[in-house]
Amino acid sequence: MSDLLDRIEIDPKVMLGKPVIRGTRIPVQLILEKLAAGQTPEDLRRSYPRLTAEDISAALLFAAKSLNADSYMPRAGGSR
């Protein structure tokens, strides 16, 4: 499972240091937003041919691990 995280890259010279899929300029955030908006992994892979199923899994794992980090703080006031 941690091998999936090797697919994520953070480089200040690429997309201002946002986490991206290694070797691309596809941000993890974009993948998560598209999935949340109802696109399927297959839709994403059609729109971004360099994206693989493993890349999408890596983005989800990265997000989950990020939320599990000790530094995560929910916004005051709860949900909107």
Protein backbone atom coordinates (compact mmCIF):
# COMPACT_ATOMS: atom_id res chain seq x y z
CA MET A 1 0.00 0.00 0.00
CA SER A 2 2.79 2.47 0.79
CA ASP A 3 4.14 1.76 -2.72
CA LEU A 4 1.12 3.65 -3.98
CA LEU A 5 2.35 6.76 -2.22
CA ASP A 6 5.49 6.65 -4.36
CA ARG A 7 3.21 7.76 -7.19
CA ILE A 8 2.66 11.11 -5.44
CA GLU A 9 5.26 13.84 -5.81
CA ILE A 10 5.62 17.20 -4.09
CA ASP A 11 8.06 19.52 -5.84
CA PRO A 12 8.03 23.31 -5.40
CA LYS A 13 8.85 23.62 -9.11
CA VAL A 14 5.73 21.70 -10.16
CA MET A 15 2.26 23.20 -9.62
CA LEU A 16 3.64 25.43 -6.84
CA GLY A 17 4.42 22.42 -4.67
CA LYS A 18 0.94 20.90 -4.68
CA PRO A 19 0.92 17.10 -4.52
CA VAL A 20 0.73 15.71 -8.06
CA ILE A 21 0.86 12.34 -9.74
CA ARG A 22 4.57 11.68 -10.31
CA GLY A 23 5.74 12.63 -13.79
CA THR A 24 2.60 14.68 -14.51
CA ARG A 25 1.10 18.01 -13.63
CA ILE A 26 -2.13 16.37 -12.45
CA PRO A 27 -2.79 17.52 -8.87
CA VAL A 28 -4.18 15.12 -6.28
CA GLN A 29 -6.71 17.83 -5.45
CA LEU A 30 -8.09 17.77 -9.02
CA ILE A 31 -8.58 14.01 -8.88
CA LEU A 32 -10.41 14.24 -5.55
CA GLU A 33 -12.62 17.11 -6.72
CA LYS A 34 -13.57 15.31 -9.94
CA LEU A 35 -14.44 12.12 -8.03
CA ALA A 36 -16.46 14.11 -5.48
CA ALA A 37 -18.35 15.76 -8.35
CA GLY A 38 -19.46 12.35 -9.57
CA GLN A 39 -16.92 11.47 -12.22
CA THR A 40 -15.87 7.84 -12.25
CA PRO A 41 -12.27 6.66 -12.34
CA GLU A 42 -12.94 5.62 -15.94
CA ASP A 43 -14.10 9.18 -16.76
CA LEU A 44 -10.88 10.55 -15.27
CA ARG A 45 -8.73 8.12 -17.21
CA ARG A 46 -10.47 9.10 -20.46
CA SER A 47 -9.94 12.80 -19.71
CA TYR A 48 -6.33 12.30 -18.57
CA PRO A 49 -4.87 9.40 -20.60
CA ARG A 50 -1.62 9.32 -18.57
CA LEU A 51 -3.61 8.66 -15.39
CA THR A 52 -3.83 5.03 -14.28
CA ALA A 53 -6.15 3.25 -11.86
CA GLU A 54 -3.19 2.99 -9.47
CA ASP A 55 -2.66 6.77 -9.68
CA ILE A 56 -6.27 7.36 -8.63
CA SER A 57 -5.87 4.91 -5.74
CA ALA A 58 -2.67 6.72 -4.74
CA ALA A 59 -4.52 10.07 -4.68
CA LEU A 60 -7.21 8.61 -2.43
CA LEU A 61 -4.65 7.02 -0.11
CA PHE A 62 -2.67 10.27 0.05
CA ALA A 63 -5.83 12.17 1.03
CA ALA A 64 -6.73 9.60 3.69
CA LYS A 65 -3.24 9.66 5.17
CA SER A 66 -3.24 13.47 5.11
CA LEU A 67 -6.46 13.54 7.11
CA ASN A 68 -5.01 11.05 9.56
CA ALA A 69 -2.00 13.29 10.23
CA ASP A 70 -1.65 14.81 13.68
CA SER A 71 -1.70 18.29 12.19
CA TYR A 72 -5.23 18.03 10.76
CA MET A 73 -7.60 20.62 12.22
CA PRO A 74 -11.24 20.91 11.17
CA ARG A 75 -12.57 24.39 10.51
CA ALA A 76 -14.31 26.08 13.39
CA GLY A 77 -18.08 25.97 13.15
CA GLY A 78 -18.39 22.45 11.73
CA SER A 79 -20.11 21.81 8.41
CA ARG A 80 -21.58 24.52 6.22
